[in-house]
Protein backbone atom coordinates (compact mmCIF):
# COMPACT_ATOMS: atom_id res chain seq x y z
CA MET A 1 15.06 17.01 19.90
CA LYS A 2 15.77 18.05 16.30
CA THR A 3 18.82 15.79 16.28
CA GLY A 4 16.76 12.85 17.57
CA LEU A 5 14.19 13.27 14.82
CA LEU A 6 16.87 13.51 12.14
CA LEU A 7 18.64 10.42 13.46
CA LEU A 8 15.39 8.49 13.46
CA LEU A 9 14.62 9.44 9.85
CA LEU A 10 18.11 8.58 8.69
CA SER A 11 18.09 5.20 10.42
CA ILE A 12 14.90 4.43 8.48
CA ILE A 13 15.89 5.52 4.96
CA THR A 14 19.63 4.75 4.85
CA THR A 15 20.48 1.79 2.66
CA THR A 16 23.26 0.26 0.59
CA GLY A 17 23.08 0.51 -3.18
CA PHE A 18 21.23 -2.17 -5.09
CA THR A 19 20.16 -4.28 -2.09
CA GLN A 20 16.54 -3.24 -2.50
CA ILE A 21 14.96 -6.71 -2.43
CA LYS A 22 17.35 -8.69 -0.26
CA ARG A 23 16.60 -10.35 3.07
CA GLY A 24 16.41 -7.83 5.92
CA GLN A 25 15.30 -4.88 3.79
CA TYR A 26 12.04 -3.00 4.36
CA LEU A 27 9.30 -1.67 2.10
CA LEU A 28 7.33 1.49 2.69
CA GLY A 29 4.94 2.86 0.13
CA GLY A 30 1.51 2.77 -1.35
CA ASP A 31 -0.53 3.28 -4.47
CA ILE A 32 -3.54 4.98 -5.95
CA GLN A 33 -5.94 2.80 -7.89
CA PHE A 34 -8.94 3.09 -10.13
CA GLU A 35 -11.58 0.34 -10.08
CA SER A 36 -14.39 -0.46 -12.46
CA VAL A 37 -16.92 -2.56 -10.52
CA LYS A 38 -19.94 -4.63 -11.49
CA GLU A 39 -21.83 -6.62 -8.84
CA ASP A 40 -24.66 -9.16 -8.96
CA ASN A 41 -26.23 -10.13 -5.63
CA SER A 42 -28.83 -12.53 -4.28
CA SER A 43 -31.67 -10.00 -4.74
CA ASN A 44 -31.16 -10.14 -8.54
CA SER A 45 -30.10 -6.52 -8.81
CA SER A 46 -26.99 -5.16 -10.46
CA ASN A 47 -24.80 -2.26 -9.40
CA THR A 48 -21.96 -0.35 -11.01
CA SER A 49 -19.41 2.18 -9.80
CA ASN A 50 -16.07 3.76 -10.58
CA ASN A 51 -13.92 4.11 -7.49
CA PHE A 52 -10.63 5.65 -6.37
CA PHE A 53 -8.75 4.61 -3.26
CA ILE A 54 -5.39 5.01 -1.47
CA SER A 55 -3.47 2.05 -0.09
CA PRO A 56 -0.37 2.63 2.12
CA SER A 57 1.72 -0.42 3.02
CA VAL A 58 4.76 -1.57 4.99
CA GLY A 59 6.68 -4.80 4.49
CA TYR A 60 9.82 -6.77 5.32
CA PHE A 61 11.90 -9.07 3.10
CA ILE A 62 11.78 -12.49 4.76
CA VAL A 63 14.22 -13.90 2.20
CA ASP A 64 15.70 -12.45 -0.98
CA LYS A 65 12.96 -11.31 -3.39
CA LEU A 66 10.10 -12.29 -1.03
CA ALA A 67 8.48 -9.72 1.28
CA GLY A 68 5.56 -9.96 3.69
CA GLY A 69 3.72 -7.08 5.23
CA LEU A 70 0.53 -5.20 5.96
CA ARG A 71 -1.54 -2.97 3.71
CA LEU A 72 -4.27 -0.53 4.78
CA ASP A 73 -6.94 0.64 2.36
CA PHE A 74 -8.94 3.85 2.76
CA SER A 75 -11.65 4.66 0.24
CA SER A 76 -14.56 6.97 -0.36
CA TYR A 77 -16.82 6.67 -3.38
CA GLU A 78 -20.22 7.19 -4.86
CA TYR A 79 -22.28 4.10 -5.70
CA LYS A 80 -25.11 3.82 -8.22
CA SER A 81 -27.57 0.93 -8.27
CA ASP A 82 -30.86 0.18 -10.01
CA TYR A 83 -32.77 1.86 -7.18
CA VAL A 84 -30.70 4.37 -5.23
CA ASP A 85 -27.50 6.41 -5.13
CA THR A 86 -25.37 6.09 -2.00
CA HIS A 87 -22.04 7.18 -0.59
CA SER A 88 -19.64 4.94 1.30
CA THR A 89 -16.40 5.08 3.24
CA ALA A 90 -14.39 1.91 3.81
CA THR A 91 -11.36 0.80 5.78
CA SER A 92 -9.65 -2.54 5.24
CA ILE A 93 -6.60 -4.37 6.50
CA ALA A 94 -4.75 -6.77 4.20
CA PRO A 95 -1.70 -8.89 5.08
CA PHE A 96 0.26 -9.51 1.88
CA LEU A 97 3.10 -11.45 0.27
CA ARG A 98 5.10 -10.01 -2.62
CA PHE A 99 7.57 -11.89 -4.82
CA TYR A 100 10.00 -10.23 -7.24
CA LEU A 101 10.70 -12.30 -10.33
CA LEU A 102 14.16 -11.10 -11.37
CA ARG A 103 17.47 -11.32 -9.63
CA THR A 104 19.18 -8.33 -8.05
CA PRO A 105 20.52 -5.85 -8.90
CA LYS A 106 18.06 -4.67 -11.54
CA LYS A 107 16.89 -1.21 -12.57
CA VAL A 108 13.63 -2.76 -13.75
CA ASN A 109 12.03 -5.73 -12.01
CA ALA A 110 8.63 -7.42 -12.00
CA PHE A 111 6.54 -8.65 -9.08
CA ILE A 112 3.47 -10.64 -8.08
CA ASP A 113 1.50 -9.53 -5.02
CA VAL A 114 -1.20 -11.53 -3.20
CA SER A 115 -3.17 -10.46 -0.13
CA TYR A 116 -6.06 -11.45 2.14
CA ILE A 117 -8.65 -8.71 2.67
CA HIS A 118 -10.85 -7.96 5.67
CA SER A 119 -12.81 -4.70 5.52
CA LYS A 120 -15.65 -2.73 7.07
CA THR A 121 -17.72 -0.28 5.01
CA LYS A 122 -20.12 2.43 6.12
CA TRP A 123 -22.91 3.12 3.63
CA ARG A 124 -25.12 6.21 3.68
CA ASN A 125 -28.01 6.87 1.28
CA LEU A 126 -29.66 10.12 0.28
CA SER A 127 -32.08 9.98 3.22
CA GLY A 128 -29.14 10.05 5.65
CA SER A 129 -29.56 6.57 7.18
CA ALA A 130 -26.40 4.47 7.53
CA TYR A 131 -25.49 0.80 7.79
CA TYR A 132 -22.28 -1.25 7.92
CA VAL A 133 -21.05 -4.10 5.73
CA LYS A 134 -18.21 -6.54 6.50
CA THR A 135 -16.22 -8.06 3.63
CA LYS A 136 -13.64 -10.81 3.24
CA GLY A 137 -11.71 -11.80 0.15
CA TYR A 138 -8.39 -11.89 -1.66
CA SER A 139 -6.48 -9.81 -4.17
CA ILE A 140 -3.76 -10.65 -6.69
CA SER A 141 -1.82 -8.13 -8.76
CA ALA A 142 1.33 -7.91 -10.86
CA GLY A 143 3.39 -5.36 -12.70
CA PRO A 144 6.78 -3.76 -13.31
CA SER A 145 8.86 -2.02 -10.65
CA ILE A 146 11.10 0.73 -12.06
CA PHE A 147 13.84 1.84 -9.69
CA LEU A 148 14.30 5.60 -10.04
CA SER A 149 17.14 5.35 -7.49
CA ASP A 150 18.56 2.71 -5.15
CA GLN A 151 15.73 3.43 -2.70
CA VAL A 152 12.69 4.59 -4.72
CA ALA A 153 10.71 2.50 -7.20
CA LEU A 154 7.78 3.52 -9.41
CA GLU A 155 5.25 0.71 -9.87
CA PHE A 156 2.39 0.02 -12.27
CA THR A 157 -0.10 -2.71 -11.43
CA VAL A 158 -3.00 -4.63 -12.89
CA GLY A 159 -4.97 -7.00 -10.72
CA TYR A 160 -8.09 -8.82 -9.69
CA LYS A 161 -9.96 -8.67 -6.37
CA HIS A 162 -12.52 -11.27 -5.26
CA SER A 163 -14.68 -10.60 -2.20
CA ILE A 164 -17.75 -11.85 -0.33
CA SER A 165 -19.80 -9.48 1.82
CA ASP A 166 -22.89 -9.66 4.06
CA ASP A 167 -24.77 -6.95 2.17
CA PHE A 168 -28.48 -7.92 2.56
CA GLY A 169 -27.60 -11.53 1.87
CA GLN A 170 -24.36 -12.71 0.41
CA THR A 171 -22.83 -10.52 -2.29
CA ILE A 172 -19.99 -11.90 -4.41
CA SER A 173 -17.88 -9.32 -6.18
CA GLY A 174 -15.13 -9.55 -8.79
CA LYS A 175 -13.15 -6.40 -9.56
CA LEU A 176 -10.49 -5.65 -12.16
CA ASN A 177 -8.19 -2.81 -11.22
CA SER A 178 -5.14 -0.92 -12.37
CA GLY A 179 -2.99 1.69 -10.73
CA PHE A 180 0.42 3.10 -9.91
CA GLY A 181 2.41 3.84 -6.79
CA LEU A 182 5.78 4.40 -5.17
CA GLN A 183 7.75 2.06 -2.94
CA ILE A 184 10.68 3.08 -0.73
CA HIS A 185 13.20 0.28 -0.11
CA PHE A 186 15.37 0.78 2.96
CA GLY A 187 17.51 -1.05 5.47
CA ARG A 188 20.44 -0.63 7.78
CA ASP A 189 23.93 0.17 6.58
CA ASN A 190 25.79 0.62 9.89
CA LYS A 191 28.83 2.38 8.42
CA THR A 192 26.74 4.90 6.50
CA ILE A 193 24.40 5.52 9.42
CA SER A 194 27.31 6.08 11.79
CA LEU A 195 28.94 8.56 9.40
CA VAL A 196 25.73 10.53 8.86
CA LYS A 197 24.88 10.53 12.58
CA ASN A 198 28.27 11.98 13.46
CA THR A 199 27.88 14.64 10.77
CA ILE A 200 24.45 15.65 12.06
CA ILE A 201 25.68 15.81 15.66
CA ARG A 202 28.50 18.12 14.60
CA ILE A 203 26.12 20.35 12.64
CA ASP A 204 23.74 20.44 15.59
CA ARG A 205 26.55 21.50 17.94
CA ILE A 206 27.67 24.24 15.54
CA THR A 207 24.13 25.61 15.13
CA GLY A 208 23.67 25.35 18.91
CA ASN A 209 26.76 27.47 19.49
CA PHE A 210 25.46 30.11 17.07
CA ALA A 211 22.11 30.12 18.87
CA GLN A 212 23.72 30.84 22.27
């Protein structure tokens, strides 16, 4: 069982050098962002908040430099309006496309990322009552991607998110955000995987003999 788990992990993260953004490669990562939000809605009230959220993602390079994938957002934040303070938790799903601007191989690259957003938010006020809000919109961001190794890249982003929600009438929101994250670039290098698999099998047999 230990061997199976190790083989699975190695088949995921093994890659050839400097093929990070070529067709057939995968992306696995996420980021942490800070948002400064100001909203004006149909009831003529204004609301402000400062929010943190985590966004894991997985993608696949359809062609060189262009990846498509899926991003999940999980957030929890306090919200202050003209009338009441509330707490919310939100989950969203966002298919995305990402395009890298420079050719490979590069230690530093730049990218543009666009996504469609569909989310559901649970709001709870101080009295304990809760209600749900559905939101649709889009997001666009850009920034540098700094490859710390052939597989791992550190990213810094700035972006804009536009959304429309059914919050007591239609609420239109525009959000500027910035953040950072890590992306793991991986793919299949059959020769390397075969070599590492054989090495692990041998180690497993040796440790198994010691255990007997």
